[in-house]
């Protein structure tokens, strides 16, 4: 009986440690890519995967029209009216404990209107390394955790 309780306790500890490690990505991040400065909120979905959505964009007004910019390059025409400060960059991201990274989905690049395979790794001092890869070409951007 003592052995069974020990196994149960260790299993619960392992599950808790895994969840804490996987949830380390949750929070708000500041990023700069090319000329765009933006903030992204990474949240955990009910199914245990993660979602990243822009919630602030420095230059979100079209200087020509004075109107809020929308996601005009989105290949999904039904999403082209979404304000650029509300664009979902990725959804369904999963933690891969064997590789100590998050992957398993694609990231949307609203600057180019493209989706690329996504991997995110945790860096020191509250930073994450966000890498998109498409057709053998990759781009990596470091996001700073702000909350």
C-alpha atoms as a PDB file:
ATOM      1  CA  UNK A   1       0.000   0.000   0.000  1.00  0.00           C
ATOM      2  CA  UNK A   2       2.832   2.363   0.891  1.00  0.00           C
ATOM      3  CA  UNK A   3       4.420   1.705  -2.488  1.00  0.00           C
ATOM      4  CA  UNK A   4       1.166   2.471  -4.335  1.00  0.00           C
ATOM      5  CA  UNK A   5       0.760   5.762  -2.449  1.00  0.00           C
ATOM      6  CA  UNK A   6       4.349   6.685  -3.301  1.00  0.00           C
ATOM      7  CA  UNK A   7       3.754   5.978  -6.996  1.00  0.00           C
ATOM      8  CA  UNK A   8       0.531   8.011  -6.972  1.00  0.00           C
ATOM      9  CA  UNK A   9       2.264  10.929  -5.226  1.00  0.00           C
ATOM     10  CA  UNK A  10       5.203  10.889  -7.641  1.00  0.00           C
ATOM     11  CA  UNK A  11       2.819  10.718 -10.612  1.00  0.00           C
ATOM     12  CA  UNK A  12       0.869  13.718  -9.354  1.00  0.00           C
ATOM     13  CA  UNK A  13       4.111  15.612  -8.766  1.00  0.00           C
ATOM     14  CA  UNK A  14       5.293  14.832 -12.319  1.00  0.00           C
ATOM     15  CA  UNK A  15       1.977  15.953 -13.819  1.00  0.00           C
ATOM     16  CA  UNK A  16       2.059  19.188 -11.788  1.00  0.00           C
ATOM     17  CA  UNK A  17       5.670  19.900 -12.780  1.00  0.00           C
ATOM     18  CA  UNK A  18       4.854  19.235 -16.452  1.00  0.00           C
ATOM     19  CA  UNK A  19       1.850  21.586 -16.324  1.00  0.00           C
ATOM     20  CA  UNK A  20       3.908  24.335 -14.676  1.00  0.00           C
ATOM     21  CA  UNK A  21       6.658  23.975 -17.286  1.00  0.00           C
ATOM     22  CA  UNK A  22       4.150  23.974 -20.156  1.00  0.00           C
ATOM     23  CA  UNK A  23       2.251  26.968 -18.722  1.00  0.00           C
ATOM     24  CA  UNK A  24       5.451  29.051 -18.461  1.00  0.00           C
ATOM     25  CA  UNK A  25       4.567  30.459 -21.875  1.00  0.00           C
ATOM     26  CA  UNK A  26       1.277  32.009 -20.689  1.00  0.00           C
ATOM     27  CA  UNK A  27       1.366  35.807 -20.430  1.00  0.00           C
ATOM     28  CA  UNK A  28       1.694  39.067 -22.331  1.00  0.00           C
ATOM     29  CA  UNK A  29       4.648  39.761 -24.618  1.00  0.00           C
ATOM     30  CA  UNK A  30       6.114  42.773 -26.410  1.00  0.00           C
ATOM     31  CA  UNK A  31       7.653  42.228 -29.832  1.00  0.00           C
ATOM     32  CA  UNK A  32       9.103  44.087 -32.771  1.00  0.00           C
ATOM     33  CA  UNK A  33       9.173  42.534 -36.226  1.00  0.00           C
ATOM     34  CA  UNK A  34      10.459  44.589 -39.127  1.00  0.00           C
ATOM     35  CA  UNK A  35       8.724  47.953 -38.635  1.00  0.00           C
ATOM     36  CA  UNK A  36       5.807  46.647 -36.548  1.00  0.00           C
ATOM     37  CA  UNK A  37       5.723  46.926 -32.764  1.00  0.00           C
ATOM     38  CA  UNK A  38       3.003  44.912 -31.068  1.00  0.00           C
ATOM     39  CA  UNK A  39       1.907  43.048 -27.936  1.00  0.00           C
ATOM     40  CA  UNK A  40       0.658  39.468 -27.871  1.00  0.00           C
ATOM     41  CA  UNK A  41      -1.320  37.615 -25.201  1.00  0.00           C
ATOM     42  CA  UNK A  42      -0.643  33.890 -24.957  1.00  0.00           C
ATOM     43  CA  UNK A  43      -3.414  32.050 -23.139  1.00  0.00           C
ATOM     44  CA  UNK A  44      -4.208  28.432 -22.397  1.00  0.00           C
ATOM     45  CA  UNK A  45      -7.209  26.870 -24.117  1.00  0.00           C
ATOM     46  CA  UNK A  46      -9.605  24.491 -22.363  1.00  0.00           C
ATOM     47  CA  UNK A  47      -8.066  21.571 -24.263  1.00  0.00           C
ATOM     48  CA  UNK A  48      -4.578  22.321 -22.866  1.00  0.00           C
ATOM     49  CA  UNK A  49      -3.215  23.935 -26.035  1.00  0.00           C
ATOM     50  CA  UNK A  50      -2.173  27.588 -26.320  1.00  0.00           C
ATOM     51  CA  UNK A  51      -3.368  30.571 -28.342  1.00  0.00           C
ATOM     52  CA  UNK A  52      -1.517  33.776 -29.224  1.00  0.00           C
ATOM     53  CA  UNK A  53      -3.447  36.906 -30.136  1.00  0.00           C
ATOM     54  CA  UNK A  54      -2.334  40.476 -30.767  1.00  0.00           C
ATOM     55  CA  UNK A  55      -3.954  42.902 -28.318  1.00  0.00           C
ATOM     56  CA  UNK A  56      -1.983  46.080 -29.115  1.00  0.00           C
ATOM     57  CA  UNK A  57      -0.336  47.438 -32.235  1.00  0.00           C
ATOM     58  CA  UNK A  58       1.705  50.636 -32.108  1.00  0.00           C
ATOM     59  CA  UNK A  59       0.623  51.925 -35.512  1.00  0.00           C
ATOM     60  CA  UNK A  60      -2.943  50.650 -35.837  1.00  0.00           C
ATOM     61  CA  UNK A  61      -4.378  53.606 -37.775  1.00  0.00           C
ATOM     62  CA  UNK A  62      -4.072  53.941 -41.545  1.00  0.00           C
ATOM     63  CA  UNK A  63      -2.424  57.366 -42.106  1.00  0.00           C
ATOM     64  CA  UNK A  64      -4.237  57.788 -45.440  1.00  0.00           C
ATOM     65  CA  UNK A  65      -7.782  57.076 -44.246  1.00  0.00           C
ATOM     66  CA  UNK A  66      -7.562  57.662 -40.492  1.00  0.00           C
ATOM     67  CA  UNK A  67      -9.319  54.322 -39.950  1.00  0.00           C
ATOM     68  CA  UNK A  68      -8.159  51.361 -37.882  1.00  0.00           C
ATOM     69  CA  UNK A  69      -6.029  48.961 -39.931  1.00  0.00           C
ATOM     70  CA  UNK A  70      -7.531  45.567 -40.730  1.00  0.00           C
ATOM     71  CA  UNK A  71      -5.982  42.253 -41.714  1.00  0.00           C
ATOM     72  CA  UNK A  72      -6.273  42.866 -45.476  1.00  0.00           C
ATOM     73  CA  UNK A  73      -3.609  40.274 -46.425  1.00  0.00           C
ATOM     74  CA  UNK A  74      -5.333  37.371 -44.717  1.00  0.00           C
ATOM     75  CA  UNK A  75      -5.819  34.496 -47.196  1.00  0.00           C
ATOM     76  CA  UNK A  76      -9.141  33.775 -45.442  1.00  0.00           C
ATOM     77  CA  UNK A  77     -11.370  36.496 -46.913  1.00  0.00           C
ATOM     78  CA  UNK A  78     -13.790  36.248 -43.972  1.00  0.00           C
ATOM     79  CA  UNK A  79     -11.004  37.494 -41.643  1.00  0.00           C
ATOM     80  CA  UNK A  80      -9.911  40.531 -43.660  1.00  0.00           C
ATOM     81  CA  UNK A  81     -12.112  42.885 -41.629  1.00  0.00           C
ATOM     82  CA  UNK A  82     -10.530  41.857 -38.300  1.00  0.00           C
ATOM     83  CA  UNK A  83      -8.713  44.842 -36.765  1.00  0.00           C
ATOM     84  CA  UNK A  84      -4.938  44.311 -36.793  1.00  0.00           C
ATOM     85  CA  UNK A  85      -4.811  44.700 -33.019  1.00  0.00           C
ATOM     86  CA  UNK A  86      -7.054  41.622 -32.633  1.00  0.00           C
ATOM     87  CA  UNK A  87      -5.436  39.149 -35.038  1.00  0.00           C
ATOM     88  CA  UNK A  88      -4.974  35.569 -33.808  1.00  0.00           C
ATOM     89  CA  UNK A  89      -1.387  34.616 -34.623  1.00  0.00           C
ATOM     90  CA  UNK A  90      -1.639  30.967 -33.604  1.00  0.00           C
ATOM     91  CA  UNK A  91      -3.971  28.508 -31.944  1.00  0.00           C
ATOM     92  CA  UNK A  92      -3.537  24.872 -30.936  1.00  0.00           C
ATOM     93  CA  UNK A  93       0.093  25.223 -29.846  1.00  0.00           C
ATOM     94  CA  UNK A  94       1.219  22.209 -27.786  1.00  0.00           C
ATOM     95  CA  UNK A  95       4.032  21.703 -25.317  1.00  0.00           C
ATOM     96  CA  UNK A  96       6.544  19.053 -26.398  1.00  0.00           C
ATOM     97  CA  UNK A  97       8.283  17.865 -23.188  1.00  0.00           C
ATOM     98  CA  UNK A  98      10.799  15.699 -25.071  1.00  0.00           C
ATOM     99  CA  UNK A  99      12.165  18.759 -26.871  1.00  0.00           C
ATOM    100  CA  UNK A 100      11.354  21.339 -24.134  1.00  0.00           C
ATOM    101  CA  UNK A 101       9.529  23.544 -26.614  1.00  0.00           C
ATOM    102  CA  UNK A 102       6.068  24.361 -27.947  1.00  0.00           C
ATOM    103  CA  UNK A 103       5.076  23.284 -31.461  1.00  0.00           C
ATOM    104  CA  UNK A 104       2.379  21.454 -33.407  1.00  0.00           C
ATOM    105  CA  UNK A 105       0.702  24.382 -35.133  1.00  0.00           C
ATOM    106  CA  UNK A 106       1.355  27.235 -37.537  1.00  0.00           C
ATOM    107  CA  UNK A 107       1.863  30.926 -36.905  1.00  0.00           C
ATOM    108  CA  UNK A 108       0.152  33.521 -39.055  1.00  0.00           C
ATOM    109  CA  UNK A 109       2.233  36.450 -40.266  1.00  0.00           C
ATOM    110  CA  UNK A 110      -0.157  39.348 -40.943  1.00  0.00           C
ATOM    111  CA  UNK A 111       2.623  41.390 -42.571  1.00  0.00           C
ATOM    112  CA  UNK A 112       2.902  38.845 -45.379  1.00  0.00           C
ATOM    113  CA  UNK A 113      -0.432  37.008 -45.170  1.00  0.00           C
ATOM    114  CA  UNK A 114       1.368  33.665 -44.720  1.00  0.00           C
ATOM    115  CA  UNK A 115       1.308  30.767 -42.262  1.00  0.00           C
ATOM    116  CA  UNK A 116       4.500  28.983 -41.203  1.00  0.00           C
ATOM    117  CA  UNK A 117       5.325  26.047 -38.930  1.00  0.00           C
ATOM    118  CA  UNK A 118       5.810  27.392 -35.412  1.00  0.00           C
ATOM    119  CA  UNK A 119       8.205  26.480 -32.639  1.00  0.00           C
ATOM    120  CA  UNK A 120       8.636  28.465 -29.444  1.00  0.00           C
ATOM    121  CA  UNK A 121      11.409  27.979 -26.926  1.00  0.00           C
ATOM    122  CA  UNK A 122      11.757  29.556 -23.518  1.00  0.00           C
ATOM    123  CA  UNK A 123      14.740  31.848 -23.097  1.00  0.00           C
ATOM    124  CA  UNK A 124      16.161  33.294 -19.910  1.00  0.00           C
ATOM    125  CA  UNK A 125      14.875  36.472 -18.277  1.00  0.00           C
ATOM    126  CA  UNK A 126      11.271  36.177 -19.460  1.00  0.00           C
ATOM    127  CA  UNK A 127      11.916  35.963 -23.177  1.00  0.00           C
ATOM    128  CA  UNK A 128      10.649  33.479 -25.719  1.00  0.00           C
ATOM    129  CA  UNK A 129      12.148  32.646 -29.098  1.00  0.00           C
ATOM    130  CA  UNK A 130       9.406  32.467 -31.743  1.00  0.00           C
ATOM    131  CA  UNK A 131      10.427  30.708 -34.953  1.00  0.00           C
ATOM    132  CA  UNK A 132       8.368  30.389 -38.104  1.00  0.00           C
ATOM    133  CA  UNK A 133       9.546  28.081 -40.870  1.00  0.00           C
ATOM    134  CA  UNK A 134       8.117  27.791 -44.367  1.00  0.00           C
ATOM    135  CA  UNK A 135       9.654  25.895 -47.298  1.00  0.00           C
ATOM    136  CA  UNK A 136      13.022  25.636 -45.555  1.00  0.00           C
ATOM    137  CA  UNK A 137      13.216  29.365 -44.823  1.00  0.00           C
ATOM    138  CA  UNK A 138      12.867  30.468 -41.226  1.00  0.00           C
ATOM    139  CA  UNK A 139      12.581  33.691 -39.281  1.00  0.00           C
ATOM    140  CA  UNK A 140      13.088  34.002 -35.552  1.00  0.00           C
ATOM    141  CA  UNK A 141      11.872  36.849 -33.361  1.00  0.00           C
ATOM    142  CA  UNK A 142      12.432  37.220 -29.604  1.00  0.00           C
ATOM    143  CA  UNK A 143       9.432  38.366 -27.586  1.00  0.00           C
ATOM    144  CA  UNK A 144       9.875  39.961 -24.156  1.00  0.00           C
ATOM    145  CA  UNK A 145       7.445  38.955 -21.417  1.00  0.00           C
ATOM    146  CA  UNK A 146       5.797  42.010 -19.889  1.00  0.00           C
ATOM    147  CA  UNK A 147       3.252  40.291 -17.648  1.00  0.00           C
END
